[in-house]
């Protein structure tokens, strides 16, 4: 074998190794982005379920649950009342309308059956609901309070947030952009992922 063939084989082997390393580096980044997207989608789904539970809790108790334990107890034992609203309109002699609204309570269903039934969430596990996906067992942070707004009236607020985001972009500035639903300062029930 002459020097040209040896150098060709060495350069070919080096090109194959460098090509593999380049592919591996790009593939690792793509796989990590897929993993982050899956974990964030699972986190968003849990935050939406927790928001639905908070809204039902607020409708029943006129405030939001400030701890997971109180929200869990409501999900396990709470009732959602089924109310039928009926409006009747009567035309008066002078052309005006008189509207009568009646409310009839038809019964109740449990929160578990209404919000977290088998059809909607077939693999639902109440004990895992407050656990952040991919966090190693960390739970969402809960906050609920009343905030005074302009005009002096009090508004119920809540916030549920991810304490340890997997996405490095969300960890910047002390987890400032961590996935959350609700707000500590505004009467909002929206999530920050929209």
C-alpha atoms as a PDB file:
ATOM      1  CA  UNK A   1       0.000   0.000   0.000  1.00  0.00           C
ATOM      2  CA  UNK A   2       1.322   3.337  -0.867  1.00  0.00           C
ATOM      3  CA  UNK A   3       1.008   6.530   1.141  1.00  0.00           C
ATOM      4  CA  UNK A   4      -1.937   7.832  -0.898  1.00  0.00           C
ATOM      5  CA  UNK A   5      -4.123   4.827  -0.139  1.00  0.00           C
ATOM      6  CA  UNK A   6      -3.244   4.924   3.581  1.00  0.00           C
ATOM      7  CA  UNK A   7      -4.035   8.640   3.804  1.00  0.00           C
ATOM      8  CA  UNK A   8      -7.272   8.087   1.855  1.00  0.00           C
ATOM      9  CA  UNK A   9      -8.372   5.396   4.326  1.00  0.00           C
ATOM     10  CA  UNK A  10      -7.390   7.555   7.313  1.00  0.00           C
ATOM     11  CA  UNK A  11      -9.242  10.591   5.948  1.00  0.00           C
ATOM     12  CA  UNK A  12     -12.247   8.437   5.027  1.00  0.00           C
ATOM     13  CA  UNK A  13     -12.382   7.016   8.576  1.00  0.00           C
ATOM     14  CA  UNK A  14     -11.999  10.521  10.027  1.00  0.00           C
ATOM     15  CA  UNK A  15     -14.803  11.806   7.768  1.00  0.00           C
ATOM     16  CA  UNK A  16     -17.085   8.958   8.891  1.00  0.00           C
ATOM     17  CA  UNK A  17     -16.332   9.662  12.579  1.00  0.00           C
ATOM     18  CA  UNK A  18     -16.848  13.414  12.149  1.00  0.00           C
ATOM     19  CA  UNK A  19     -20.065  12.804  10.178  1.00  0.00           C
ATOM     20  CA  UNK A  20     -21.377  10.555  12.962  1.00  0.00           C
ATOM     21  CA  UNK A  21     -20.465  13.107  15.642  1.00  0.00           C
ATOM     22  CA  UNK A  22     -22.199  15.865  13.672  1.00  0.00           C
ATOM     23  CA  UNK A  23     -25.329  13.720  13.193  1.00  0.00           C
ATOM     24  CA  UNK A  24     -25.281  12.689  16.861  1.00  0.00           C
ATOM     25  CA  UNK A  25     -25.011  16.308  18.017  1.00  0.00           C
ATOM     26  CA  UNK A  26     -27.954  17.427  15.880  1.00  0.00           C
ATOM     27  CA  UNK A  27     -30.010  14.330  16.759  1.00  0.00           C
ATOM     28  CA  UNK A  28     -29.466  14.864  20.498  1.00  0.00           C
ATOM     29  CA  UNK A  29     -30.763  18.436  20.226  1.00  0.00           C
ATOM     30  CA  UNK A  30     -33.815  17.326  18.232  1.00  0.00           C
ATOM     31  CA  UNK A  31     -34.604  14.516  20.703  1.00  0.00           C
ATOM     32  CA  UNK A  32     -34.229  16.890  23.671  1.00  0.00           C
ATOM     33  CA  UNK A  33     -36.611  19.374  22.028  1.00  0.00           C
ATOM     34  CA  UNK A  34     -39.131  16.562  21.456  1.00  0.00           C
ATOM     35  CA  UNK A  35     -38.815  15.482  25.100  1.00  0.00           C
ATOM     36  CA  UNK A  36     -39.307  19.069  26.312  1.00  0.00           C
ATOM     37  CA  UNK A  37     -42.351  19.498  24.032  1.00  0.00           C
ATOM     38  CA  UNK A  38     -43.936  16.280  25.348  1.00  0.00           C
ATOM     39  CA  UNK A  39     -43.317  17.214  28.983  1.00  0.00           C
ATOM     40  CA  UNK A  40     -44.671  20.737  28.456  1.00  0.00           C
ATOM     41  CA  UNK A  41     -47.791  19.350  26.743  1.00  0.00           C
ATOM     42  CA  UNK A  42     -48.373  17.036  29.723  1.00  0.00           C
ATOM     43  CA  UNK A  43     -47.778  19.933  32.131  1.00  0.00           C
ATOM     44  CA  UNK A  44     -50.239  22.147  30.240  1.00  0.00           C
ATOM     45  CA  UNK A  45     -52.873  19.401  30.333  1.00  0.00           C
ATOM     46  CA  UNK A  46     -52.477  19.083  34.116  1.00  0.00           C
ATOM     47  CA  UNK A  47     -52.631  22.852  34.568  1.00  0.00           C
ATOM     48  CA  UNK A  48     -55.861  22.928  32.544  1.00  0.00           C
ATOM     49  CA  UNK A  49     -57.334  20.166  34.728  1.00  0.00           C
ATOM     50  CA  UNK A  50     -56.292  22.032  37.889  1.00  0.00           C
ATOM     51  CA  UNK A  51     -57.829  25.240  36.491  1.00  0.00           C
ATOM     52  CA  UNK A  52     -61.139  23.442  35.860  1.00  0.00           C
ATOM     53  CA  UNK A  53     -61.074  22.119  39.423  1.00  0.00           C
ATOM     54  CA  UNK A  54     -60.284  25.604  40.792  1.00  0.00           C
ATOM     55  CA  UNK A  55     -63.170  27.145  38.840  1.00  0.00           C
ATOM     56  CA  UNK A  56     -65.572  24.505  40.184  1.00  0.00           C
ATOM     57  CA  UNK A  57     -64.201  25.069  43.714  1.00  0.00           C
ATOM     58  CA  UNK A  58     -64.695  28.823  43.353  1.00  0.00           C
ATOM     59  CA  UNK A  59     -68.263  28.372  42.066  1.00  0.00           C
ATOM     60  CA  UNK A  60     -69.085  26.257  45.126  1.00  0.00           C
ATOM     61  CA  UNK A  61     -67.138  28.125  47.824  1.00  0.00           C
ATOM     62  CA  UNK A  62     -66.842  31.730  46.534  1.00  0.00           C
ATOM     63  CA  UNK A  63     -63.049  31.515  46.788  1.00  0.00           C
ATOM     64  CA  UNK A  64     -60.216  29.524  45.257  1.00  0.00           C
ATOM     65  CA  UNK A  65     -58.429  26.648  46.992  1.00  0.00           C
ATOM     66  CA  UNK A  66     -55.067  27.799  48.349  1.00  0.00           C
ATOM     67  CA  UNK A  67     -53.623  24.307  48.887  1.00  0.00           C
ATOM     68  CA  UNK A  68     -53.597  21.053  47.020  1.00  0.00           C
ATOM     69  CA  UNK A  69     -55.140  19.254  50.008  1.00  0.00           C
ATOM     70  CA  UNK A  70     -58.249  21.435  50.017  1.00  0.00           C
ATOM     71  CA  UNK A  71     -58.612  21.107  46.227  1.00  0.00           C
ATOM     72  CA  UNK A  72     -58.088  17.313  46.404  1.00  0.00           C
ATOM     73  CA  UNK A  73     -60.757  16.995  49.096  1.00  0.00           C
ATOM     74  CA  UNK A  74     -63.156  19.008  46.928  1.00  0.00           C
ATOM     75  CA  UNK A  75     -62.434  16.810  43.890  1.00  0.00           C
ATOM     76  CA  UNK A  76     -63.014  13.647  45.938  1.00  0.00           C
ATOM     77  CA  UNK A  77     -66.073  14.739  47.912  1.00  0.00           C
ATOM     78  CA  UNK A  78     -67.451  17.922  46.322  1.00  0.00           C
ATOM     79  CA  UNK A  79     -70.714  18.293  44.439  1.00  0.00           C
ATOM     80  CA  UNK A  80     -71.572  20.385  41.404  1.00  0.00           C
ATOM     81  CA  UNK A  81     -75.216  21.443  41.358  1.00  0.00           C
ATOM     82  CA  UNK A  82     -77.149  21.179  38.118  1.00  0.00           C
ATOM     83  CA  UNK A  83     -79.319  24.265  37.729  1.00  0.00           C
ATOM     84  CA  UNK A  84     -81.795  24.920  34.938  1.00  0.00           C
ATOM     85  CA  UNK A  85     -82.476  28.538  34.033  1.00  0.00           C
ATOM     86  CA  UNK A  86     -85.775  29.359  32.345  1.00  0.00           C
ATOM     87  CA  UNK A  87     -86.794  32.732  30.942  1.00  0.00           C
ATOM     88  CA  UNK A  88     -90.341  33.702  30.102  1.00  0.00           C
ATOM     89  CA  UNK A  89     -91.171  36.869  28.245  1.00  0.00           C
ATOM     90  CA  UNK A  90     -94.562  38.519  28.579  1.00  0.00           C
ATOM     91  CA  UNK A  91     -95.633  41.318  26.289  1.00  0.00           C
ATOM     92  CA  UNK A  92     -97.280  44.087  28.302  1.00  0.00           C
ATOM     93  CA  UNK A  93    -100.212  46.219  27.102  1.00  0.00           C
ATOM     94  CA  UNK A  94     -98.086  49.255  26.317  1.00  0.00           C
ATOM     95  CA  UNK A  95     -95.528  47.380  24.172  1.00  0.00           C
ATOM     96  CA  UNK A  96     -92.871  46.706  26.775  1.00  0.00           C
ATOM     97  CA  UNK A  97     -91.658  43.251  27.701  1.00  0.00           C
ATOM     98  CA  UNK A  98     -91.567  41.718  31.150  1.00  0.00           C
ATOM     99  CA  UNK A  99     -88.936  39.002  31.542  1.00  0.00           C
ATOM    100  CA  UNK A 100     -89.189  36.504  34.370  1.00  0.00           C
ATOM    101  CA  UNK A 101     -86.187  34.301  35.132  1.00  0.00           C
ATOM    102  CA  UNK A 102     -86.583  31.152  37.214  1.00  0.00           C
ATOM    103  CA  UNK A 103     -83.884  28.793  38.443  1.00  0.00           C
ATOM    104  CA  UNK A 104     -84.594  25.157  39.195  1.00  0.00           C
ATOM    105  CA  UNK A 105     -82.072  22.882  40.904  1.00  0.00           C
ATOM    106  CA  UNK A 106     -82.231  19.524  39.157  1.00  0.00           C
ATOM    107  CA  UNK A 107     -79.734  17.686  41.350  1.00  0.00           C
ATOM    108  CA  UNK A 108     -76.015  17.310  41.706  1.00  0.00           C
ATOM    109  CA  UNK A 109     -73.077  15.284  40.417  1.00  0.00           C
ATOM    110  CA  UNK A 110     -69.741  14.665  42.058  1.00  0.00           C
ATOM    111  CA  UNK A 111     -66.805  16.757  40.910  1.00  0.00           C
ATOM    112  CA  UNK A 112     -64.889  13.606  40.035  1.00  0.00           C
ATOM    113  CA  UNK A 113     -67.692  12.381  37.732  1.00  0.00           C
ATOM    114  CA  UNK A 114     -68.245  15.782  36.171  1.00  0.00           C
ATOM    115  CA  UNK A 115     -64.692  17.023  35.548  1.00  0.00           C
ATOM    116  CA  UNK A 116     -62.474  13.937  35.546  1.00  0.00           C
ATOM    117  CA  UNK A 117     -64.656  11.153  34.196  1.00  0.00           C
ATOM    118  CA  UNK A 118     -63.367   8.062  32.387  1.00  0.00           C
ATOM    119  CA  UNK A 119     -64.453   9.276  28.930  1.00  0.00           C
ATOM    120  CA  UNK A 120     -62.513  12.512  29.176  1.00  0.00           C
ATOM    121  CA  UNK A 121     -59.433  11.240  31.051  1.00  0.00           C
ATOM    122  CA  UNK A 122     -59.224   7.425  30.854  1.00  0.00           C
ATOM    123  CA  UNK A 123     -55.909   7.242  32.756  1.00  0.00           C
ATOM    124  CA  UNK A 124     -56.737   9.835  35.417  1.00  0.00           C
ATOM    125  CA  UNK A 125     -54.974   9.416  38.770  1.00  0.00           C
ATOM    126  CA  UNK A 126     -55.915  11.968  41.424  1.00  0.00           C
ATOM    127  CA  UNK A 127     -52.748  11.364  43.452  1.00  0.00           C
ATOM    128  CA  UNK A 128     -50.550  12.289  40.451  1.00  0.00           C
ATOM    129  CA  UNK A 129     -52.536  15.395  39.448  1.00  0.00           C
ATOM    130  CA  UNK A 130     -50.393  17.889  41.450  1.00  0.00           C
ATOM    131  CA  UNK A 131     -47.091  16.285  40.348  1.00  0.00           C
ATOM    132  CA  UNK A 132     -45.228  18.114  37.578  1.00  0.00           C
ATOM    133  CA  UNK A 133     -44.429  15.723  34.703  1.00  0.00           C
ATOM    134  CA  UNK A 134     -40.714  14.979  34.387  1.00  0.00           C
ATOM    135  CA  UNK A 135     -39.796  16.766  37.619  1.00  0.00           C
ATOM    136  CA  UNK A 136     -38.963  13.761  39.743  1.00  0.00           C
ATOM    137  CA  UNK A 137     -41.974  14.201  42.028  1.00  0.00           C
ATOM    138  CA  UNK A 138     -42.107  17.972  42.533  1.00  0.00           C
ATOM    139  CA  UNK A 139     -45.590  19.429  42.965  1.00  0.00           C
ATOM    140  CA  UNK A 140     -47.131  22.530  41.410  1.00  0.00           C
ATOM    141  CA  UNK A 141     -47.039  25.681  43.540  1.00  0.00           C
ATOM    142  CA  UNK A 142     -50.505  26.822  44.641  1.00  0.00           C
ATOM    143  CA  UNK A 143     -51.494  30.399  45.512  1.00  0.00           C
ATOM    144  CA  UNK A 144     -54.953  31.827  46.204  1.00  0.00           C
ATOM    145  CA  UNK A 145     -55.962  35.123  47.774  1.00  0.00           C
ATOM    146  CA  UNK A 146     -58.137  38.205  47.393  1.00  0.00           C
ATOM    147  CA  UNK A 147     -56.689  41.281  45.712  1.00  0.00           C
ATOM    148  CA  UNK A 148     -58.046  44.812  45.910  1.00  0.00           C
ATOM    149  CA  UNK A 149     -58.695  46.323  42.490  1.00  0.00           C
ATOM    150  CA  UNK A 150     -59.267  49.897  41.381  1.00  0.00           C
ATOM    151  CA  UNK A 151     -62.483  51.116  42.929  1.00  0.00           C
ATOM    152  CA  UNK A 152     -61.877  49.290  46.188  1.00  0.00           C
ATOM    153  CA  UNK A 153     -63.558  45.985  45.379  1.00  0.00           C
ATOM    154  CA  UNK A 154     -61.947  42.656  46.225  1.00  0.00           C
ATOM    155  CA  UNK A 155     -61.331  40.010  43.572  1.00  0.00           C
ATOM    156  CA  UNK A 156     -60.481  36.343  44.090  1.00  0.00           C
ATOM    157  CA  UNK A 157     -57.258  35.316  42.346  1.00  0.00           C
ATOM    158  CA  UNK A 158     -55.270  32.102  42.063  1.00  0.00           C
ATOM    159  CA  UNK A 159     -52.064  30.946  40.442  1.00  0.00           C
ATOM    160  CA  UNK A 160     -50.734  27.442  39.913  1.00  0.00           C
ATOM    161  CA  UNK A 161     -47.216  27.278  38.489  1.00  0.00           C
ATOM    162  CA  UNK A 162     -44.478  24.842  37.608  1.00  0.00           C
ATOM    163  CA  UNK A 163     -41.667  25.232  40.199  1.00  0.00           C
ATOM    164  CA  UNK A 164     -38.971  23.587  38.045  1.00  0.00           C
ATOM    165  CA  UNK A 165     -39.457  24.000  34.286  1.00  0.00           C
ATOM    166  CA  UNK A 166     -37.657  21.500  32.039  1.00  0.00           C
ATOM    167  CA  UNK A 167     -37.355  24.057  29.253  1.00  0.00           C
ATOM    168  CA  UNK A 168     -34.156  26.110  29.774  1.00  0.00           C
ATOM    169  CA  UNK A 169     -35.854  29.172  28.218  1.00  0.00           C
ATOM    170  CA  UNK A 170     -38.506  29.065  30.962  1.00  0.00           C
ATOM    171  CA  UNK A 171     -35.895  28.852  33.752  1.00  0.00           C
ATOM    172  CA  UNK A 172     -34.418  32.286  32.954  1.00  0.00           C
ATOM    173  CA  UNK A 173     -34.763  35.062  35.555  1.00  0.00           C
ATOM    174  CA  UNK A 174     -35.724  32.807  38.469  1.00  0.00           C
ATOM    175  CA  UNK A 175     -38.335  30.810  36.483  1.00  0.00           C
ATOM    176  CA  UNK A 176     -40.083  34.003  35.394  1.00  0.00           C
ATOM    177  CA  UNK A 177     -41.620  32.306  32.342  1.00  0.00           C
ATOM    178  CA  UNK A 178     -42.490  29.009  34.030  1.00  0.00           C
ATOM    179  CA  UNK A 179     -45.751  27.466  32.870  1.00  0.00           C
ATOM    180  CA  UNK A 180     -48.599  28.765  35.011  1.00  0.00           C
ATOM    181  CA  UNK A 181     -52.333  29.247  35.035  1.00  0.00           C
ATOM    182  CA  UNK A 182     -54.049  32.183  36.710  1.00  0.00           C
ATOM    183  CA  UNK A 183     -52.381  35.270  38.124  1.00  0.00           C
ATOM    184  CA  UNK A 184     -51.421  36.580  41.556  1.00  0.00           C
ATOM    185  CA  UNK A 185     -52.462  40.117  40.657  1.00  0.00           C
ATOM    186  CA  UNK A 186     -55.274  39.897  38.051  1.00  0.00           C
ATOM    187  CA  UNK A 187     -58.595  38.091  37.902  1.00  0.00           C
ATOM    188  CA  UNK A 188     -57.381  35.820  35.105  1.00  0.00           C
ATOM    189  CA  UNK A 189     -57.766  32.090  34.651  1.00  0.00           C
ATOM    190  CA  UNK A 190     -55.703  31.917  31.465  1.00  0.00           C
ATOM    191  CA  UNK A 191     -52.446  30.058  31.070  1.00  0.00           C
ATOM    192  CA  UNK A 192     -49.242  31.726  29.875  1.00  0.00           C
ATOM    193  CA  UNK A 193     -48.672  29.151  27.120  1.00  0.00           C
ATOM    194  CA  UNK A 194     -51.205  30.709  24.723  1.00  0.00           C
END
